[in-house]
Amino acid sequence: RMYYFDPGDLQITESDGVIVETSRGIEYGEVV
């Protein structure tokens, strides 16, 4: 499933790897 996150001031493009915080903890995801 795809989840929405606030990029803030970061310049994020598609297929970049990001570190986000979820209910399960800190996780590694891919921007689709």
PDB file of all heavy atoms in Angstrom:
ATOM      1  N   ARG A   1       0.836  -1.191   0.000  1.00  0.00           N
ATOM      2  CA  ARG A   1       0.000   0.000   0.000  1.00  0.00           C
ATOM      3  C   ARG A   1       0.879   1.252   0.000  1.00  0.00           C
ATOM      4  O   ARG A   1       1.966   1.263   0.589  1.00  0.00           O
ATOM      5  CB  ARG A   1      -0.916  -0.003   1.224  1.00  0.00           C
ATOM      6  CG  ARG A   1      -1.887   1.159   1.269  1.00  0.00           C
ATOM      7  CD  ARG A   1      -2.728   1.096   2.522  1.00  0.00           C
ATOM      8  NE  ARG A   1      -3.505  -0.138   2.567  1.00  0.00           N
ATOM      9  CZ  ARG A   1      -4.312  -0.456   3.583  1.00  0.00           C
ATOM     10  NH1 ARG A   1      -4.404   0.348   4.637  1.00  0.00           N
ATOM     11  NH2 ARG A   1      -4.998  -1.578   3.547  1.00  0.00           N
ATOM     12  N   MET A   2       0.397   2.294  -0.650  1.00  0.00           N
ATOM     13  CA  MET A   2       1.124   3.565  -0.705  1.00  0.00           C
ATOM     14  C   MET A   2       0.624   4.487   0.405  1.00  0.00           C
ATOM     15  O   MET A   2      -0.585   4.617   0.618  1.00  0.00           O
ATOM     16  CB  MET A   2       0.911   4.237  -2.066  1.00  0.00           C
ATOM     17  CG  MET A   2       1.724   5.503  -2.259  1.00  0.00           C
ATOM     18  SD  MET A   2       1.415   6.276  -3.858  1.00  0.00           S
ATOM     19  CE  MET A   2      -0.308   6.754  -3.677  1.00  0.00           C
ATOM     20  N   TYR A   3       1.563   5.103   1.091  1.00  0.00           N
ATOM     21  CA  TYR A   3       1.242   6.002   2.191  1.00  0.00           C
ATOM     22  C   TYR A   3       1.749   7.410   1.842  1.00  0.00           C
ATOM     23  O   TYR A   3       2.795   7.567   1.183  1.00  0.00           O
ATOM     24  CB  TYR A   3       1.889   5.525   3.497  1.00  0.00           C
ATOM     25  CG  TYR A   3       1.399   4.165   3.952  1.00  0.00           C
ATOM     26  CD1 TYR A   3       2.049   3.004   3.529  1.00  0.00           C
ATOM     27  CD2 TYR A   3       0.319   4.050   4.803  1.00  0.00           C
ATOM     28  CE1 TYR A   3       1.614   1.759   3.948  1.00  0.00           C
ATOM     29  CE2 TYR A   3      -0.115   2.797   5.240  1.00  0.00           C
ATOM     30  CZ  TYR A   3       0.531   1.671   4.799  1.00  0.00           C
ATOM     31  OH  TYR A   3       0.096   0.430   5.213  1.00  0.00           O
ATOM     32  N   TYR A   4       0.999   8.413   2.333  1.00  0.00           N
ATOM     33  CA  TYR A   4       1.378   9.807   2.095  1.00  0.00           C
ATOM     34  C   TYR A   4       2.195  10.342   3.277  1.00  0.00           C
ATOM     35  O   TYR A   4       1.870  10.077   4.443  1.00  0.00           O
ATOM     36  CB  TYR A   4       0.145  10.679   1.912  1.00  0.00           C
ATOM     37  CG  TYR A   4      -0.565  10.469   0.585  1.00  0.00           C
ATOM     38  CD1 TYR A   4      -1.933  10.190   0.539  1.00  0.00           C
ATOM     39  CD2 TYR A   4       0.133  10.578  -0.609  1.00  0.00           C
ATOM     40  CE1 TYR A   4      -2.579  10.010  -0.663  1.00  0.00           C
ATOM     41  CE2 TYR A   4      -0.506  10.386  -1.821  1.00  0.00           C
ATOM     42  CZ  TYR A   4      -1.855  10.100  -1.848  1.00  0.00           C
ATOM     43  OH  TYR A   4      -2.486   9.918  -3.048  1.00  0.00           O
ATOM     44  N   PHE A   5       3.243  11.101   2.930  1.00  0.00           N
ATOM     45  CA  PHE A   5       4.077  11.758   3.938  1.00  0.00           C
ATOM     46  C   PHE A   5       4.331  13.198   3.491  1.00  0.00           C
ATOM     47  O   PHE A   5       4.320  13.507   2.283  1.00  0.00           O
ATOM     48  CB  PHE A   5       5.405  11.013   4.127  1.00  0.00           C
ATOM     49  CG  PHE A   5       5.265   9.674   4.794  1.00  0.00           C
ATOM     50  CD1 PHE A   5       5.055   8.526   4.047  1.00  0.00           C
ATOM     51  CD2 PHE A   5       5.343   9.570   6.173  1.00  0.00           C
ATOM     52  CE1 PHE A   5       4.922   7.296   4.664  1.00  0.00           C
ATOM     53  CE2 PHE A   5       5.220   8.342   6.800  1.00  0.00           C
ATOM     54  CZ  PHE A   5       5.007   7.207   6.049  1.00  0.00           C
ATOM     55  N   ASP A   6       4.585  14.023   4.483  1.00  0.00           N
ATOM     56  CA  ASP A   6       4.874  15.432   4.222  1.00  0.00           C
ATOM     57  C   ASP A   6       6.361  15.564   3.894  1.00  0.00           C
ATOM     58  O   ASP A   6       7.220  15.250   4.730  1.00  0.00           O
ATOM     59  CB  ASP A   6       4.513  16.271   5.443  1.00  0.00           C
ATOM     60  CG  ASP A   6       4.679  17.754   5.188  1.00  0.00           C
ATOM     61  OD1 ASP A   6       5.015  18.126   4.050  1.00  0.00           O
ATOM     62  OD2 ASP A   6       4.453  18.533   6.141  1.00  0.00           O
ATOM     63  N   PRO A   7       6.711  16.025   2.679  1.00  0.00           N
ATOM     64  CA  PRO A   7       8.138  16.133   2.331  1.00  0.00           C
ATOM     65  C   PRO A   7       8.853  17.276   3.039  1.00  0.00           C
ATOM     66  O   PRO A   7      10.101  17.274   3.101  1.00  0.00           O
ATOM     67  CB  PRO A   7       8.108  16.351   0.820  1.00  0.00           C
ATOM     68  CG  PRO A   7       6.796  17.007   0.569  1.00  0.00           C
ATOM     69  CD  PRO A   7       5.844  16.445   1.589  1.00  0.00           C
ATOM     70  N   GLY A   8       8.074  18.230   3.557  1.00  0.00           N
ATOM     71  CA  GLY A   8       8.717  19.382   4.197  1.00  0.00           C
ATOM     72  C   GLY A   8       9.480  20.222   3.186  1.00  0.00           C
ATOM     73  O   GLY A   8       8.998  20.513   2.079  1.00  0.00           O
ATOM     74  N   ASP A   9      10.697  20.558   3.531  1.00  0.00           N
ATOM     75  CA  ASP A   9      11.537  21.366   2.641  1.00  0.00           C
ATOM     76  C   ASP A   9      12.475  20.514   1.801  1.00  0.00           C
ATOM     77  O   ASP A   9      13.317  21.057   1.059  1.00  0.00           O
ATOM     78  CB  ASP A   9      12.350  22.370   3.471  1.00  0.00           C
ATOM     79  CG  ASP A   9      11.459  23.354   4.223  1.00  0.00           C
ATOM     80  OD1 ASP A   9      10.334  23.611   3.718  1.00  0.00           O
ATOM     81  OD2 ASP A   9      11.862  23.828   5.298  1.00  0.00           O
ATOM     82  N   LEU A  10      12.321  19.196   1.901  1.00  0.00           N
ATOM     83  CA  LEU A  10      13.222  18.307   1.161  1.00  0.00           C
ATOM     84  C   LEU A  10      12.829  18.243  -0.312  1.00  0.00           C
ATOM     85  O   LEU A  10      11.636  18.231  -0.657  1.00  0.00           O
ATOM     86  CB  LEU A  10      13.195  16.903   1.768  1.00  0.00           C
ATOM     87  CG  LEU A  10      13.645  16.792   3.233  1.00  0.00           C
ATOM     88  CD1 LEU A  10      13.458  15.365   3.737  1.00  0.00           C
ATOM     89  CD2 LEU A  10      15.107  17.216   3.383  1.00  0.00           C
ATOM     90  N   GLN A  11      13.818  18.186  -1.162  1.00  0.00           N
ATOM     91  CA  GLN A  11      13.605  18.046  -2.601  1.00  0.00           C
ATOM     92  C   GLN A  11      13.647  16.555  -2.953  1.00  0.00           C
ATOM     93  O   GLN A  11      14.717  15.984  -3.185  1.00  0.00           O
ATOM     94  CB  GLN A  11      14.661  18.833  -3.380  1.00  0.00           C
ATOM     95  CG  GLN A  11      14.664  20.327  -3.120  1.00  0.00           C
ATOM     96  CD  GLN A  11      13.355  20.978  -3.546  1.00  0.00           C
ATOM     97  OE1 GLN A  11      12.727  20.579  -4.549  1.00  0.00           O
ATOM     98  NE2 GLN A  11      12.927  21.984  -2.777  1.00  0.00           N
ATOM     99  N   ILE A  12      12.478  15.960  -2.943  1.00  0.00           N
ATOM    100  CA  ILE A  12      12.369  14.506  -3.136  1.00  0.00           C
ATOM    101  C   ILE A  12      11.801  14.236  -4.525  1.00  0.00           C
ATOM    102  O   ILE A  12      10.804  14.853  -4.939  1.00  0.00           O
ATOM    103  CB  ILE A  12      11.462  13.876  -2.059  1.00  0.00           C
ATOM    104  CG1 ILE A  12      12.038  14.172  -0.664  1.00  0.00           C
ATOM    105  CG2 ILE A  12      11.348  12.373  -2.276  1.00  0.00           C
ATOM    106  CD1 ILE A  12      11.156  13.694   0.460  1.00  0.00           C
ATOM    107  N   THR A  13      12.421  13.326  -5.231  1.00  0.00           N
ATOM    108  CA  THR A  13      11.945  12.923  -6.555  1.00  0.00           C
ATOM    109  C   THR A  13      11.514  11.450  -6.512  1.00  0.00           C
ATOM    110  O   THR A  13      11.768  10.721  -5.543  1.00  0.00           O
ATOM    111  CB  THR A  13      13.052  13.102  -7.603  1.00  0.00           C
ATOM    112  OG1 THR A  13      14.186  12.323  -7.237  1.00  0.00           O
ATOM    113  CG2 THR A  13      13.459  14.579  -7.716  1.00  0.00           C
ATOM    114  N   GLU A  14      10.890  11.043  -7.576  1.00  0.00           N
ATOM    115  CA  GLU A  14      10.402   9.660  -7.662  1.00  0.00           C
ATOM    116  C   GLU A  14      11.568   8.672  -7.693  1.00  0.00           C
ATOM    117  O   GLU A  14      12.632   8.963  -8.254  1.00  0.00           O
ATOM    118  CB  GLU A  14       9.544   9.502  -8.915  1.00  0.00           C
ATOM    119  CG  GLU A  14       8.769   8.195  -8.985  1.00  0.00           C
ATOM    120  CD  GLU A  14       7.796   8.174 -10.137  1.00  0.00           C
ATOM    121  OE1 GLU A  14       7.494   9.251 -10.676  1.00  0.00           O
ATOM    122  OE2 GLU A  14       7.358   7.060 -10.499  1.00  0.00           O
ATOM    123  N   SER A  15      11.373   7.504  -7.055  1.00  0.00           N
ATOM    124  CA  SER A  15      12.336   6.401  -6.925  1.00  0.00           C
ATOM    125  C   SER A  15      13.453   6.697  -5.935  1.00  0.00           C
ATOM    126  O   SER A  15      14.421   5.913  -5.838  1.00  0.00           O
ATOM    127  CB  SER A  15      12.945   6.032  -8.285  1.00  0.00           C
ATOM    128  OG  SER A  15      13.837   7.026  -8.725  1.00  0.00           O
ATOM    129  N   ASP A  16      13.347   7.782  -5.180  1.00  0.00           N
ATOM    130  CA  ASP A  16      14.341   8.052  -4.125  1.00  0.00           C
ATOM    131  C   ASP A  16      14.012   7.211  -2.891  1.00  0.00           C
ATOM    132  O   ASP A  16      12.839   6.939  -2.581  1.00  0.00           O
ATOM    133  CB  ASP A  16      14.340   9.531  -3.742  1.00  0.00           C
ATOM    134  CG  ASP A  16      15.010  10.394  -4.796  1.00  0.00           C
ATOM    135  OD1 ASP A  16      15.677   9.816  -5.675  1.00  0.00           O
ATOM    136  OD2 ASP A  16      14.837  11.629  -4.756  1.00  0.00           O
ATOM    137  N   GLY A  17      15.035   6.815  -2.162  1.00  0.00           N
ATOM    138  CA  GLY A  17      14.857   6.148  -0.889  1.00  0.00           C
ATOM    139  C   GLY A  17      14.733   7.160   0.230  1.00  0.00           C
ATOM    140  O   GLY A  17      15.482   8.148   0.262  1.00  0.00           O
ATOM    141  N   VAL A  18      13.821   6.948   1.171  1.00  0.00           N
ATOM    142  CA  VAL A  18      13.597   7.880   2.271  1.00  0.00           C
ATOM    143  C   VAL A  18      13.470   7.101   3.572  1.00  0.00           C
ATOM    144  O   VAL A  18      13.124   5.908   3.580  1.00  0.00           O
ATOM    145  CB  VAL A  18      12.323   8.734   2.052  1.00  0.00           C
ATOM    146  CG1 VAL A  18      12.509   9.689   0.880  1.00  0.00           C
ATOM    147  CG2 VAL A  18      11.108   7.836   1.834  1.00  0.00           C
ATOM    148  N   ILE A  19      13.769   7.785   4.644  1.00  0.00           N
ATOM    149  CA  ILE A  19      13.590   7.226   5.987  1.00  0.00           C
ATOM    150  C   ILE A  19      12.407   7.955   6.611  1.00  0.00           C
ATOM    151  O   ILE A  19      12.399   9.195   6.700  1.00  0.00           O
ATOM    152  CB  ILE A  19      14.849   7.419   6.846  1.00  0.00           C
ATOM    153  CG1 ILE A  19      16.076   6.806   6.159  1.00  0.00           C
ATOM    154  CG2 ILE A  19      14.650   6.816   8.219  1.00  0.00           C
ATOM    155  CD1 ILE A  19      15.971   5.325   5.916  1.00  0.00           C
ATOM    156  N   VAL A  20      11.379   7.183   7.029  1.00  0.00           N
ATOM    157  CA  VAL A  20      10.164   7.764   7.594  1.00  0.00           C
ATOM    158  C   VAL A  20       9.843   7.058   8.904  1.00  0.00           C
ATOM    159  O   VAL A  20      10.349   5.961   9.183  1.00  0.00           O
ATOM    160  CB  VAL A  20       8.973   7.627   6.609  1.00  0.00           C
ATOM    161  CG1 VAL A  20       9.210   8.439   5.341  1.00  0.00           C
ATOM    162  CG2 VAL A  20       8.723   6.158   6.266  1.00  0.00           C
ATOM    163  N   GLU A  21       8.995   7.702   9.683  1.00  0.00           N
ATOM    164  CA  GLU A  21       8.543   7.130  10.953  1.00  0.00           C
ATOM    165  C   GLU A  21       7.085   6.703  10.818  1.00  0.00           C
ATOM    166  O   GLU A  21       6.226   7.502  10.438  1.00  0.00           O
ATOM    167  CB  GLU A  21       8.687   8.155  12.064  1.00  0.00           C
ATOM    168  CG  GLU A  21       8.321   7.608  13.436  1.00  0.00           C
ATOM    169  CD  GLU A  21       8.461   8.643  14.532  1.00  0.00           C
ATOM    170  OE1 GLU A  21       8.880   9.772  14.221  1.00  0.00           O
ATOM    171  OE2 GLU A  21       8.141   8.307  15.697  1.00  0.00           O
ATOM    172  N   THR A  22       6.802   5.448  11.145  1.00  0.00           N
ATOM    173  CA  THR A  22       5.452   4.903  11.072  1.00  0.00           C
ATOM    174  C   THR A  22       5.059   4.366  12.445  1.00  0.00           C
ATOM    175  O   THR A  22       5.813   4.480  13.421  1.00  0.00           O
ATOM    176  CB  THR A  22       5.384   3.773  10.024  1.00  0.00           C
ATOM    177  OG1 THR A  22       6.197   2.678  10.457  1.00  0.00           O
ATOM    178  CG2 THR A  22       5.869   4.265   8.655  1.00  0.00           C
ATOM    179  N   SER A  23       3.882   3.772  12.496  1.00  0.00           N
ATOM    180  CA  SER A  23       3.419   3.184  13.753  1.00  0.00           C
ATOM    181  C   SER A  23       4.255   1.984  14.163  1.00  0.00           C
ATOM    182  O   SER A  23       4.253   1.587  15.326  1.00  0.00           O
ATOM    183  CB  SER A  23       1.948   2.770  13.610  1.00  0.00           C
ATOM    184  OG  SER A  23       1.807   1.828  12.555  1.00  0.00           O
ATOM    185  N   ARG A  24       4.992   1.400  13.230  1.00  0.00           N
ATOM    186  CA  ARG A  24       5.838   0.249  13.535  1.00  0.00           C
ATOM    187  C   ARG A  24       7.265   0.665  13.872  1.00  0.00           C
ATOM    188  O   ARG A  24       8.086  -0.193  14.181  1.00  0.00           O
ATOM    189  CB  ARG A  24       5.852  -0.726  12.343  1.00  0.00           C
ATOM    190  CG  ARG A  24       4.510  -1.349  12.053  1.00  0.00           C
ATOM    191  CD  ARG A  24       4.578  -2.339  10.916  1.00  0.00           C
ATOM    192  NE  ARG A  24       4.883  -1.679   9.641  1.00  0.00           N
ATOM    193  CZ  ARG A  24       4.962  -2.314   8.476  1.00  0.00           C
ATOM    194  NH1 ARG A  24       4.787  -3.628   8.430  1.00  0.00           N
ATOM    195  NH2 ARG A  24       5.233  -1.638   7.369  1.00  0.00           N
ATOM    196  N   GLY A  25       7.560   1.960  13.723  1.00  0.00           N
ATOM    197  CA  GLY A  25       8.913   2.438  14.030  1.00  0.00           C
ATOM    198  C   GLY A  25       9.536   3.119  12.829  1.00  0.00           C
ATOM    199  O   GLY A  25       8.848   3.527  11.877  1.00  0.00           O
ATOM    200  N   ILE A  26      10.860   3.226  12.845  1.00  0.00           N
ATOM    201  CA  ILE A  26      11.600   3.835  11.743  1.00  0.00           C
ATOM    202  C   ILE A  26      11.736   2.812  10.615  1.00  0.00           C
ATOM    203  O   ILE A  26      12.210   1.681  10.844  1.00  0.00           O
ATOM    204  CB  ILE A  26      12.995   4.318  12.201  1.00  0.00           C
ATOM    205  CG1 ILE A  26      12.845   5.324  13.345  1.00  0.00           C
ATOM    206  CG2 ILE A  26      13.756   4.935  11.045  1.00  0.00           C
ATOM    207  CD1 ILE A  26      12.113   6.593  12.972  1.00  0.00           C
ATOM    208  N   GLU A  27      11.351   3.208   9.384  1.00  0.00           N
ATOM    209  CA  GLU A  27      11.375   2.278   8.261  1.00  0.00           C
ATOM    210  C   GLU A  27      11.988   2.944   7.037  1.00  0.00           C
ATOM    211  O   GLU A  27      12.001   4.182   6.893  1.00  0.00           O
ATOM    212  CB  GLU A  27       9.961   1.781   7.930  1.00  0.00           C
ATOM    213  CG  GLU A  27       9.338   0.921   9.015  1.00  0.00           C
ATOM    214  CD  GLU A  27       8.076   0.256   8.539  1.00  0.00           C
ATOM    215  OE1 GLU A  27       8.173  -0.637   7.673  1.00  0.00           O
ATOM    216  OE2 GLU A  27       6.996   0.633   9.021  1.00  0.00           O
ATOM    217  N   TYR A  28      12.435   2.069   6.150  1.00  0.00           N
ATOM    218  CA  TYR A  28      13.031   2.501   4.887  1.00  0.00           C
ATOM    219  C   TYR A  28      11.991   2.280   3.790  1.00  0.00           C
ATOM    220  O   TYR A  28      11.440   1.181   3.648  1.00  0.00           O
ATOM    221  CB  TYR A  28      14.292   1.686   4.598  1.00  0.00           C
ATOM    222  CG  TYR A  28      14.981   2.011   3.291  1.00  0.00           C
ATOM    223  CD1 TYR A  28      15.997   2.952   3.251  1.00  0.00           C
ATOM    224  CD2 TYR A  28      14.610   1.375   2.112  1.00  0.00           C
ATOM    225  CE1 TYR A  28      16.635   3.248   2.051  1.00  0.00           C
ATOM    226  CE2 TYR A  28      15.234   1.659   0.920  1.00  0.00           C
ATOM    227  CZ  TYR A  28      16.245   2.601   0.881  1.00  0.00           C
ATOM    228  OH  TYR A  28      16.871   2.906  -0.304  1.00  0.00           O
ATOM    229  N   GLY A  29      11.708   3.318   3.001  1.00  0.00           N
ATOM    230  CA  GLY A  29      10.734   3.226   1.925  1.00  0.00           C
ATOM    231  C   GLY A  29      11.237   3.843   0.643  1.00  0.00           C
ATOM    232  O   GLY A  29      12.287   4.500   0.606  1.00  0.00           O
ATOM    233  N   GLU A  30      10.451   3.623  -0.415  1.00  0.00           N
ATOM    234  CA  GLU A  30      10.792   4.146  -1.741  1.00  0.00           C
ATOM    235  C   GLU A  30       9.671   5.061  -2.211  1.00  0.00           C
ATOM    236  O   GLU A  30       8.480   4.721  -2.086  1.00  0.00           O
ATOM    237  CB  GLU A  30      10.988   2.997  -2.735  1.00  0.00           C
ATOM    238  CG  GLU A  30      11.395   3.468  -4.119  1.00  0.00           C
ATOM    239  CD  GLU A  30      11.547   2.312  -5.088  1.00  0.00           C
ATOM    240  OE1 GLU A  30      11.409   1.150  -4.644  1.00  0.00           O
ATOM    241  OE2 GLU A  30      11.784   2.562  -6.281  1.00  0.00           O
ATOM    242  N   VAL A  31      10.049   6.207  -2.754  1.00  0.00           N
ATOM    243  CA  VAL A  31       9.076   7.184  -3.242  1.00  0.00           C
ATOM    244  C   VAL A  31       8.549   6.702  -4.600  1.00  0.00           C
ATOM    245  O   VAL A  31       9.330   6.511  -5.548  1.00  0.00           O
ATOM    246  CB  VAL A  31       9.713   8.585  -3.368  1.00  0.00           C
ATOM    247  CG1 VAL A  31       8.710   9.577  -3.935  1.00  0.00           C
ATOM    248  CG2 VAL A  31      10.221   9.061  -2.015  1.00  0.00           C
ATOM    249  N   VAL A  32       7.271   6.498  -4.681  1.00  0.00           N
ATOM    250  CA  VAL A  32       6.648   6.060  -5.931  1.00  0.00           C
ATOM    251  C   VAL A  32       5.797   7.161  -6.552  1.00  0.00           C
ATOM    252  O   VAL A  32       5.353   7.022  -7.693  1.00  0.00           O
ATOM    253  CB  VAL A  32       5.776   4.807  -5.688  1.00  0.00           C
ATOM    254  CG1 VAL A  32       6.649   3.631  -5.281  1.00  0.00           C
ATOM    255  CG2 VAL A  32       4.702   5.067  -4.647  1.00  0.00           C
TER     256      VAL A  32
END
